[in-house]
Amino acid sequence: CHNTKSFDDELRYIENFYNDSVSWDRKLISLNHLLSR
């Protein structure tokens, strides 16, 4: 969203998860409680 940085090394896997979700191979879920935090 902010394009302020690249993925941290320990969280780089999120990029793959996101790419999988774009091709509808993986569903990403956000809990509204965590989103509010």
ModelCIF file with pLDDT and N, C-alpha, C, O atoms, coordinates in Angstrom:
data_MODEL
#
_entry.id   MODEL 
#
_entity.id                         1 
_entity.type                       polymer 
_entity.pdbx_number_of_molecules   1 
#
_entity_poly.entity_id                      1 
_entity_poly.type                           'polypeptide(L)' 
_entity_poly.nstd_linkage                   no 
_entity_poly.nstd_monomer                   no 
_entity_poly.pdbx_seq_one_letter_code       CHNTKSFDDELRYIENFYNDSVSWDRKLISLNHLLSR 
_entity_poly.pdbx_seq_one_letter_code_can   CHNTKSFDDELRYIENFYNDSVSWDRKLISLNHLLSR 
_entity_poly.pdbx_strand_id                 A 
#
loop_
_entity_poly_seq.entity_id 
_entity_poly_seq.num 
_entity_poly_seq.mon_id 
_entity_poly_seq.hetero 
1 1  CYS n 
1 2  HIS n 
1 3  ASN n 
1 4  THR n 
1 5  LYS n 
1 6  SER n 
1 7  PHE n 
1 8  ASP n 
1 9  ASP n 
1 10 GLU n 
1 11 LEU n 
1 12 ARG n 
1 13 TYR n 
1 14 ILE n 
1 15 GLU n 
1 16 ASN n 
1 17 PHE n 
1 18 TYR n 
1 19 ASN n 
1 20 ASP n 
1 21 SER n 
1 22 VAL n 
1 23 SER n 
1 24 TRP n 
1 25 ASP n 
1 26 ARG n 
1 27 LYS n 
1 28 LEU n 
1 29 ILE n 
1 30 SER n 
1 31 LEU n 
1 32 ASN n 
1 33 HIS n 
1 34 LEU n 
1 35 LEU n 
1 36 SER n 
1 37 ARG n 
#
_struct_asym.id          A 
_struct_asym.entity_id   1 
#
loop_
_ma_qa_metric.id 
_ma_qa_metric.mode 
_ma_qa_metric.name 
_ma_qa_metric.software_group_id 
_ma_qa_metric.type 
1 global pLDDT . pLDDT 
2 local  pLDDT . pLDDT 
#
_ma_qa_metric_global.metric_id      1 
_ma_qa_metric_global.metric_value   91.16 
_ma_qa_metric_global.model_id       1 
_ma_qa_metric_global.ordinal_id     1 
#
loop_
_ma_qa_metric_local.label_asym_id 
_ma_qa_metric_local.label_comp_id 
_ma_qa_metric_local.label_seq_id 
_ma_qa_metric_local.metric_id 
_ma_qa_metric_local.metric_value 
_ma_qa_metric_local.model_id 
_ma_qa_metric_local.ordinal_id 
A CYS 1  2 91.00 1 1  
A HIS 2  2 86.00 1 2  
A ASN 3  2 85.00 1 3  
A THR 4  2 78.00 1 4  
A LYS 5  2 83.00 1 5  
A SER 6  2 88.00 1 6  
A PHE 7  2 90.00 1 7  
A ASP 8  2 91.00 1 8  
A ASP 9  2 92.00 1 9  
A GLU 10 2 94.00 1 10 
A LEU 11 2 93.00 1 11 
A ARG 12 2 93.00 1 12 
A TYR 13 2 95.00 1 13 
A ILE 14 2 94.00 1 14 
A GLU 15 2 94.00 1 15 
A ASN 16 2 94.00 1 16 
A PHE 17 2 95.00 1 17 
A TYR 18 2 95.00 1 18 
A ASN 19 2 95.00 1 19 
A ASP 20 2 96.00 1 20 
A SER 21 2 96.00 1 21 
A VAL 22 2 95.00 1 22 
A SER 23 2 94.00 1 23 
A TRP 24 2 93.00 1 24 
A ASP 25 2 93.00 1 25 
A ARG 26 2 94.00 1 26 
A LYS 27 2 93.00 1 27 
A LEU 28 2 95.00 1 28 
A ILE 29 2 91.00 1 29 
A SER 30 2 92.00 1 30 
A LEU 31 2 85.00 1 31 
A ASN 32 2 88.00 1 32 
A HIS 33 2 84.00 1 33 
A LEU 34 2 88.00 1 34 
A LEU 35 2 92.00 1 35 
A SER 36 2 89.00 1 36 
A ARG 37 2 89.00 1 37 
#
loop_
_atom_site.group_PDB 
_atom_site.id 
_atom_site.type_symbol 
_atom_site.label_atom_id 
_atom_site.label_alt_id 
_atom_site.label_comp_id 
_atom_site.label_asym_id 
_atom_site.label_entity_id 
_atom_site.label_seq_id 
_atom_site.pdbx_PDB_ins_code 
_atom_site.Cartn_x 
_atom_site.Cartn_y 
_atom_site.Cartn_z 
_atom_site.occupancy 
_atom_site.B_iso_or_equiv 
_atom_site.pdbx_formal_charge 
_atom_site.auth_seq_id 
_atom_site.auth_comp_id 
_atom_site.auth_asym_id 
_atom_site.auth_atom_id 
_atom_site.pdbx_PDB_model_num 
ATOM 1   N N  . CYS A 1 1  ? 0.822   -1.205  0.000  1.00 91.00 ? 1  CYS A N  1 
ATOM 2   C CA . CYS A 1 1  ? 0.000   0.000   0.000  1.00 91.00 ? 1  CYS A CA 1 
ATOM 3   C C  . CYS A 1 1  ? 0.860   1.260   0.000  1.00 91.00 ? 1  CYS A C  1 
ATOM 4   O O  . CYS A 1 1  ? 0.636   2.175   -0.793 1.00 91.00 ? 1  CYS A O  1 
ATOM 5   N N  . HIS A 1 2  ? 1.848   1.300   0.898  1.00 86.00 ? 2  HIS A N  1 
ATOM 6   C CA . HIS A 1 2  ? 2.665   2.503   1.037  1.00 86.00 ? 2  HIS A CA 1 
ATOM 7   C C  . HIS A 1 2  ? 3.919   2.504   0.182  1.00 86.00 ? 2  HIS A C  1 
ATOM 8   O O  . HIS A 1 2  ? 4.518   3.555   -0.041 1.00 86.00 ? 2  HIS A O  1 
ATOM 9   N N  . ASN A 1 3  ? 4.319   1.337   -0.299 1.00 85.00 ? 3  ASN A N  1 
ATOM 10  C CA . ASN A 1 3  ? 5.538   1.221   -1.108 1.00 85.00 ? 3  ASN A CA 1 
ATOM 11  C C  . ASN A 1 3  ? 6.734   1.892   -0.435 1.00 85.00 ? 3  ASN A C  1 
ATOM 12  O O  . ASN A 1 3  ? 7.605   2.441   -1.109 1.00 85.00 ? 3  ASN A O  1 
ATOM 13  N N  . THR A 1 4  ? 6.770   1.845   0.892  1.00 78.00 ? 4  THR A N  1 
ATOM 14  C CA . THR A 1 4  ? 7.837   2.526   1.617  1.00 78.00 ? 4  THR A CA 1 
ATOM 15  C C  . THR A 1 4  ? 9.057   1.646   1.821  1.00 78.00 ? 4  THR A C  1 
ATOM 16  O O  . THR A 1 4  ? 10.124  2.128   2.203  1.00 78.00 ? 4  THR A O  1 
ATOM 17  N N  . LYS A 1 5  ? 8.897   0.348   1.566  1.00 83.00 ? 5  LYS A N  1 
ATOM 18  C CA . LYS A 1 5  ? 9.996   -0.566  1.812  1.00 83.00 ? 5  LYS A CA 1 
ATOM 19  C C  . LYS A 1 5  ? 9.722   -1.859  1.078  1.00 83.00 ? 5  LYS A C  1 
ATOM 20  O O  . LYS A 1 5  ? 8.635   -2.065  0.537  1.00 83.00 ? 5  LYS A O  1 
ATOM 21  N N  . SER A 1 6  ? 10.716  -2.725  1.064  1.00 88.00 ? 6  SER A N  1 
ATOM 22  C CA . SER A 1 6  ? 10.494  -4.072  0.542  1.00 88.00 ? 6  SER A CA 1 
ATOM 23  C C  . SER A 1 6  ? 10.239  -4.991  1.730  1.00 88.00 ? 6  SER A C  1 
ATOM 24  O O  . SER A 1 6  ? 10.429  -4.597  2.880  1.00 88.00 ? 6  SER A O  1 
ATOM 25  N N  . PHE A 1 7  ? 9.810   -6.208  1.450  1.00 90.00 ? 7  PHE A N  1 
ATOM 26  C CA . PHE A 1 7  ? 9.517   -7.140  2.532  1.00 90.00 ? 7  PHE A CA 1 
ATOM 27  C C  . PHE A 1 7  ? 10.765  -7.421  3.351  1.00 90.00 ? 7  PHE A C  1 
ATOM 28  O O  . PHE A 1 7  ? 11.846  -7.629  2.800  1.00 90.00 ? 7  PHE A O  1 
ATOM 29  N N  . ASP A 1 8  ? 10.611  -7.426  4.677  1.00 91.00 ? 8  ASP A N  1 
ATOM 30  C CA . ASP A 1 8  ? 11.703  -7.830  5.563  1.00 91.00 ? 8  ASP A CA 1 
ATOM 31  C C  . ASP A 1 8  ? 12.056  -9.283  5.271  1.00 91.00 ? 8  ASP A C  1 
ATOM 32  O O  . ASP A 1 8  ? 11.196  -10.071 4.879  1.00 91.00 ? 8  ASP A O  1 
ATOM 33  N N  . ASP A 1 9  ? 13.306  -9.627  5.460  1.00 92.00 ? 9  ASP A N  1 
ATOM 34  C CA . ASP A 1 9  ? 13.765  -10.984 5.151  1.00 92.00 ? 9  ASP A CA 1 
ATOM 35  C C  . ASP A 1 9  ? 12.923  -12.059 5.827  1.00 92.00 ? 9  ASP A C  1 
ATOM 36  O O  . ASP A 1 9  ? 12.552  -13.045 5.189  1.00 92.00 ? 9  ASP A O  1 
ATOM 37  N N  . GLU A 1 10 ? 12.618  -11.881 7.110  1.00 94.00 ? 10 GLU A N  1 
ATOM 38  C CA . GLU A 1 10 ? 11.866  -12.917 7.835  1.00 94.00 ? 10 GLU A CA 1 
ATOM 39  C C  . GLU A 1 10 ? 10.392  -12.968 7.428  1.00 94.00 ? 10 GLU A C  1 
ATOM 40  O O  . GLU A 1 10 ? 9.691   -13.923 7.761  1.00 94.00 ? 10 GLU A O  1 
ATOM 41  N N  . LEU A 1 11 ? 9.918   -11.948 6.711  1.00 93.00 ? 11 LEU A N  1 
ATOM 42  C CA . LEU A 1 11 ? 8.525   -11.920 6.255  1.00 93.00 ? 11 LEU A CA 1 
ATOM 43  C C  . LEU A 1 11 ? 8.409   -11.956 4.729  1.00 93.00 ? 11 LEU A C  1 
ATOM 44  O O  . LEU A 1 11 ? 7.340   -11.687 4.182  1.00 93.00 ? 11 LEU A O  1 
ATOM 45  N N  . ARG A 1 12 ? 9.490   -12.281 4.052  1.00 93.00 ? 12 ARG A N  1 
ATOM 46  C CA . ARG A 1 12 ? 9.489   -12.304 2.589  1.00 93.00 ? 12 ARG A CA 1 
ATOM 47  C C  . ARG A 1 12 ? 8.461   -13.276 2.017  1.00 93.00 ? 12 ARG A C  1 
ATOM 48  O O  . ARG A 1 12 ? 7.953   -13.062 0.916  1.00 93.00 ? 12 ARG A O  1 
ATOM 49  N N  . TYR A 1 13 ? 8.149   -14.344 2.755  1.00 95.00 ? 13 TYR A N  1 
ATOM 50  C CA . TYR A 1 13 ? 7.183   -15.335 2.302  1.00 95.00 ? 13 TYR A CA 1 
ATOM 51  C C  . TYR A 1 13 ? 5.807   -14.727 2.027  1.00 95.00 ? 13 TYR A C  1 
ATOM 52  O O  . TYR A 1 13 ? 5.023   -15.293 1.266  1.00 95.00 ? 13 TYR A O  1 
ATOM 53  N N  . ILE A 1 14 ? 5.510   -13.587 2.635  1.00 94.00 ? 14 ILE A N  1 
ATOM 54  C CA . ILE A 1 14 ? 4.214   -12.939 2.421  1.00 94.00 ? 14 ILE A CA 1 
ATOM 55  C C  . ILE A 1 14 ? 4.051   -12.532 0.962  1.00 94.00 ? 14 ILE A C  1 
ATOM 56  O O  . ILE A 1 14 ? 2.941   -12.549 0.430  1.00 94.00 ? 14 ILE A O  1 
ATOM 57  N N  . GLU A 1 15 ? 5.140   -12.170 0.323  1.00 94.00 ? 15 GLU A N  1 
ATOM 58  C CA . GLU A 1 15 ? 5.076   -11.815 -1.096 1.00 94.00 ? 15 GLU A CA 1 
ATOM 59  C C  . GLU A 1 15 ? 4.587   -13.005 -1.913 1.00 94.00 ? 15 GLU A C  1 
ATOM 60  O O  . GLU A 1 15 ? 3.771   -12.844 -2.820 1.00 94.00 ? 15 GLU A O  1 
ATOM 61  N N  . ASN A 1 16 ? 5.085   -14.201 -1.594 1.00 94.00 ? 16 ASN A N  1 
ATOM 62  C CA . ASN A 1 16 ? 4.623   -15.404 -2.288 1.00 94.00 ? 16 ASN A CA 1 
ATOM 63  C C  . ASN A 1 16 ? 3.157   -15.683 -1.988 1.00 94.00 ? 16 ASN A C  1 
ATOM 64  O O  . ASN A 1 16 ? 2.391   -16.048 -2.879 1.00 94.00 ? 16 ASN A O  1 
ATOM 65  N N  . PHE A 1 17 ? 2.771   -15.510 -0.720 1.00 95.00 ? 17 PHE A N  1 
ATOM 66  C CA . PHE A 1 17 ? 1.366   -15.713 -0.350 1.00 95.00 ? 17 PHE A CA 1 
ATOM 67  C C  . PHE A 1 17 ? 0.471   -14.748 -1.128 1.00 95.00 ? 17 PHE A C  1 
ATOM 68  O O  . PHE A 1 17 ? -0.590  -15.132 -1.621 1.00 95.00 ? 17 PHE A O  1 
ATOM 69  N N  . TYR A 1 18 ? 0.909   -13.494 -1.232 1.00 95.00 ? 18 TYR A N  1 
ATOM 70  C CA . TYR A 1 18 ? 0.120   -12.510 -1.972 1.00 95.00 ? 18 TYR A CA 1 
ATOM 71  C C  . TYR A 1 18 ? 0.026   -12.903 -3.449 1.00 95.00 ? 18 TYR A C  1 
ATOM 72  O O  . TYR A 1 18 ? -1.057  -12.875 -4.035 1.00 95.00 ? 18 TYR A O  1 
ATOM 73  N N  . ASN A 1 19 ? 1.149   -13.265 -4.040 1.00 95.00 ? 19 ASN A N  1 
ATOM 74  C CA . ASN A 1 19 ? 1.137   -13.674 -5.446 1.00 95.00 ? 19 ASN A CA 1 
ATOM 75  C C  . ASN A 1 19 ? 0.231   -14.885 -5.668 1.00 95.00 ? 19 ASN A C  1 
ATOM 76  O O  . ASN A 1 19 ? -0.468  -14.965 -6.679 1.00 95.00 ? 19 ASN A O  1 
ATOM 77  N N  . ASP A 1 20 ? 0.245   -15.817 -4.729 1.00 96.00 ? 20 ASP A N  1 
ATOM 78  C CA . ASP A 1 20 ? -0.661  -16.972 -4.809 1.00 96.00 ? 20 ASP A CA 1 
ATOM 79  C C  . ASP A 1 20 ? -2.118  -16.527 -4.739 1.00 96.00 ? 20 ASP A C  1 
ATOM 80  O O  . ASP A 1 20 ? -2.976  -17.104 -5.407 1.00 96.00 ? 20 ASP A O  1 
ATOM 81  N N  . SER A 1 21 ? -2.398  -15.518 -3.945 1.00 96.00 ? 21 SER A N  1 
ATOM 82  C CA . SER A 1 21 ? -3.781  -15.050 -3.810 1.00 96.00 ? 21 SER A CA 1 
ATOM 83  C C  . SER A 1 21 ? -4.252  -14.338 -5.076 1.00 96.00 ? 21 SER A C  1 
ATOM 84  O O  . SER A 1 21 ? -5.440  -14.367 -5.397 1.00 96.00 ? 21 SER A O  1 
ATOM 85  N N  . VAL A 1 22 ? -3.333  -13.704 -5.791 1.00 95.00 ? 22 VAL A N  1 
ATOM 86  C CA . VAL A 1 22 ? -3.681  -13.036 -7.043 1.00 95.00 ? 22 VAL A CA 1 
ATOM 87  C C  . VAL A 1 22 ? -4.127  -14.072 -8.080 1.00 95.00 ? 22 VAL A C  1 
ATOM 88  O O  . VAL A 1 22 ? -5.029  -13.815 -8.877 1.00 95.00 ? 22 VAL A O  1 
ATOM 89  N N  . SER A 1 23 ? -3.488  -15.235 -8.060 1.00 94.00 ? 23 SER A N  1 
ATOM 90  C CA . SER A 1 23 ? -3.875  -16.296 -8.993 1.00 94.00 ? 23 SER A CA 1 
ATOM 91  C C  . SER A 1 23 ? -4.956  -17.205 -8.401 1.00 94.00 ? 23 SER A C  1 
ATOM 92  O O  . SER A 1 23 ? -5.290  -18.236 -8.985 1.00 94.00 ? 23 SER A O  1 
ATOM 93  N N  . TRP A 1 24 ? -5.493  -16.828 -7.259 1.00 93.00 ? 24 TRP A N  1 
ATOM 94  C CA . TRP A 1 24 ? -6.578  -17.530 -6.569 1.00 93.00 ? 24 TRP A CA 1 
ATOM 95  C C  . TRP A 1 24 ? -6.168  -18.935 -6.120 1.00 93.00 ? 24 TRP A C  1 
ATOM 96  O O  . TRP A 1 24 ? -7.015  -19.819 -5.990 1.00 93.00 ? 24 TRP A O  1 
ATOM 97  N N  . ASP A 1 25 ? -4.873  -19.137 -5.885 1.00 93.00 ? 25 ASP A N  1 
ATOM 98  C CA . ASP A 1 25 ? -4.381  -20.418 -5.376 1.00 93.00 ? 25 ASP A CA 1 
ATOM 99  C C  . ASP A 1 25 ? -4.366  -20.448 -3.846 1.00 93.00 ? 25 ASP A C  1 
ATOM 100 O O  . ASP A 1 25 ? -4.332  -21.523 -3.246 1.00 93.00 ? 25 ASP A O  1 
ATOM 101 N N  . ARG A 1 26 ? -4.391  -19.299 -3.231 1.00 94.00 ? 26 ARG A N  1 
ATOM 102 C CA . ARG A 1 26 ? -4.345  -19.217 -1.769 1.00 94.00 ? 26 ARG A CA 1 
ATOM 103 C C  . ARG A 1 26 ? -5.254  -18.080 -1.321 1.00 94.00 ? 26 ARG A C  1 
ATOM 104 O O  . ARG A 1 26 ? -5.220  -16.979 -1.871 1.00 94.00 ? 26 ARG A O  1 
ATOM 105 N N  . LYS A 1 27 ? -6.056  -18.369 -0.324 1.00 93.00 ? 27 LYS A N  1 
ATOM 106 C CA . LYS A 1 27 ? -6.928  -17.349 0.250  1.00 93.00 ? 27 LYS A CA 1 
ATOM 107 C C  . LYS A 1 27 ? -6.205  -16.697 1.422  1.00 93.00 ? 27 LYS A C  1 
ATOM 108 O O  . LYS A 1 27 ? -5.768  -17.382 2.347  1.00 93.00 ? 27 LYS A O  1 
ATOM 109 N N  . LEU A 1 28 ? -6.082  -15.384 1.381  1.00 95.00 ? 28 LEU A N  1 
ATOM 110 C CA . LEU A 1 28 ? -5.522  -14.628 2.497  1.00 95.00 ? 28 LEU A CA 1 
ATOM 111 C C  . LEU A 1 28 ? -6.678  -14.097 3.329  1.00 95.00 ? 28 LEU A C  1 
ATOM 112 O O  . LEU A 1 28 ? -7.657  -13.582 2.790  1.00 95.00 ? 28 LEU A O  1 
ATOM 113 N N  . ILE A 1 29 ? -6.559  -14.223 4.637  1.00 91.00 ? 29 ILE A N  1 
ATOM 114 C CA . ILE A 1 29 ? -7.618  -13.800 5.543  1.00 91.00 ? 29 ILE A CA 1 
ATOM 115 C C  . ILE A 1 29 ? -7.049  -12.794 6.535  1.00 91.00 ? 29 ILE A C  1 
ATOM 116 O O  . ILE A 1 29 ? -5.970  -12.985 7.095  1.00 91.00 ? 29 ILE A O  1 
ATOM 117 N N  . SER A 1 30 ? -7.792  -11.734 6.733  1.00 92.00 ? 30 SER A N  1 
ATOM 118 C CA . SER A 1 30 ? -7.450  -10.758 7.773  1.00 92.00 ? 30 SER A CA 1 
ATOM 119 C C  . SER A 1 30 ? -8.599  -10.738 8.767  1.00 92.00 ? 30 SER A C  1 
ATOM 120 O O  . SER A 1 30 ? -9.757  -10.584 8.378  1.00 92.00 ? 30 SER A O  1 
ATOM 121 N N  . LEU A 1 31 ? -8.291  -10.888 10.021 1.00 85.00 ? 31 LEU A N  1 
ATOM 122 C CA . LEU A 1 31 ? -9.314  -10.766 11.058 1.00 85.00 ? 31 LEU A CA 1 
ATOM 123 C C  . LEU A 1 31 ? -9.589  -9.285  11.292 1.00 85.00 ? 31 LEU A C  1 
ATOM 124 O O  . LEU A 1 31 ? -8.656  -8.491  11.410 1.00 85.00 ? 31 LEU A O  1 
ATOM 125 N N  . ASN A 1 32 ? -10.862 -8.911  11.358 1.00 88.00 ? 32 ASN A N  1 
ATOM 126 C CA . ASN A 1 32 ? -11.169 -7.486  11.517 1.00 88.00 ? 32 ASN A CA 1 
ATOM 127 C C  . ASN A 1 32 ? -10.593 -6.905  12.809 1.00 88.00 ? 32 ASN A C  1 
ATOM 128 O O  . ASN A 1 32 ? -10.268 -5.719  12.863 1.00 88.00 ? 32 ASN A O  1 
ATOM 129 N N  . HIS A 1 33 ? -10.467 -7.726  13.843 1.00 84.00 ? 33 HIS A N  1 
ATOM 130 C CA . HIS A 1 33 ? -9.853  -7.253  15.093 1.00 84.00 ? 33 HIS A CA 1 
ATOM 131 C C  . HIS A 1 33 ? -8.393  -6.858  14.864 1.00 84.00 ? 33 HIS A C  1 
ATOM 132 O O  . HIS A 1 33 ? -7.944  -5.812  15.333 1.00 84.00 ? 33 HIS A O  1 
ATOM 133 N N  . LEU A 1 34 ? -7.659  -7.707  14.138 1.00 88.00 ? 34 LEU A N  1 
ATOM 134 C CA . LEU A 1 34 ? -6.247  -7.399  13.883 1.00 88.00 ? 34 LEU A CA 1 
ATOM 135 C C  . LEU A 1 34 ? -6.118  -6.208  12.933 1.00 88.00 ? 34 LEU A C  1 
ATOM 136 O O  . LEU A 1 34 ? -5.217  -5.384  13.088 1.00 88.00 ? 34 LEU A O  1 
ATOM 137 N N  . LEU A 1 35 ? -7.007  -6.119  11.960 1.00 92.00 ? 35 LEU A N  1 
ATOM 138 C CA . LEU A 1 35 ? -6.992  -4.969  11.060 1.00 92.00 ? 35 LEU A CA 1 
ATOM 139 C C  . LEU A 1 35 ? -7.202  -3.676  11.834 1.00 92.00 ? 35 LEU A C  1 
ATOM 140 O O  . LEU A 1 35 ? -6.527  -2.682  11.566 1.00 92.00 ? 35 LEU A O  1 
ATOM 141 N N  . SER A 1 36 ? -8.116  -3.673  12.778 1.00 89.00 ? 36 SER A N  1 
ATOM 142 C CA . SER A 1 36 ? -8.352  -2.455  13.567 1.00 89.00 ? 36 SER A CA 1 
ATOM 143 C C  . SER A 1 36 ? -7.114  -2.091  14.391 1.00 89.00 ? 36 SER A C  1 
ATOM 144 O O  . SER A 1 36 ? -6.803  -0.911  14.556 1.00 89.00 ? 36 SER A O  1 
ATOM 145 N N  . ARG A 1 37 ? -6.415  -3.092  14.902 1.00 89.00 ? 37 ARG A N  1 
ATOM 146 C CA . ARG A 1 37 ? -5.191  -2.813  15.665 1.00 89.00 ? 37 ARG A CA 1 
ATOM 147 C C  . ARG A 1 37 ? -4.097  -2.229  14.766 1.00 89.00 ? 37 ARG A C  1 
ATOM 148 O O  . ARG A 1 37 ? -3.000  -1.935  15.240 1.00 89.00 ? 37 ARG A O  1 
#
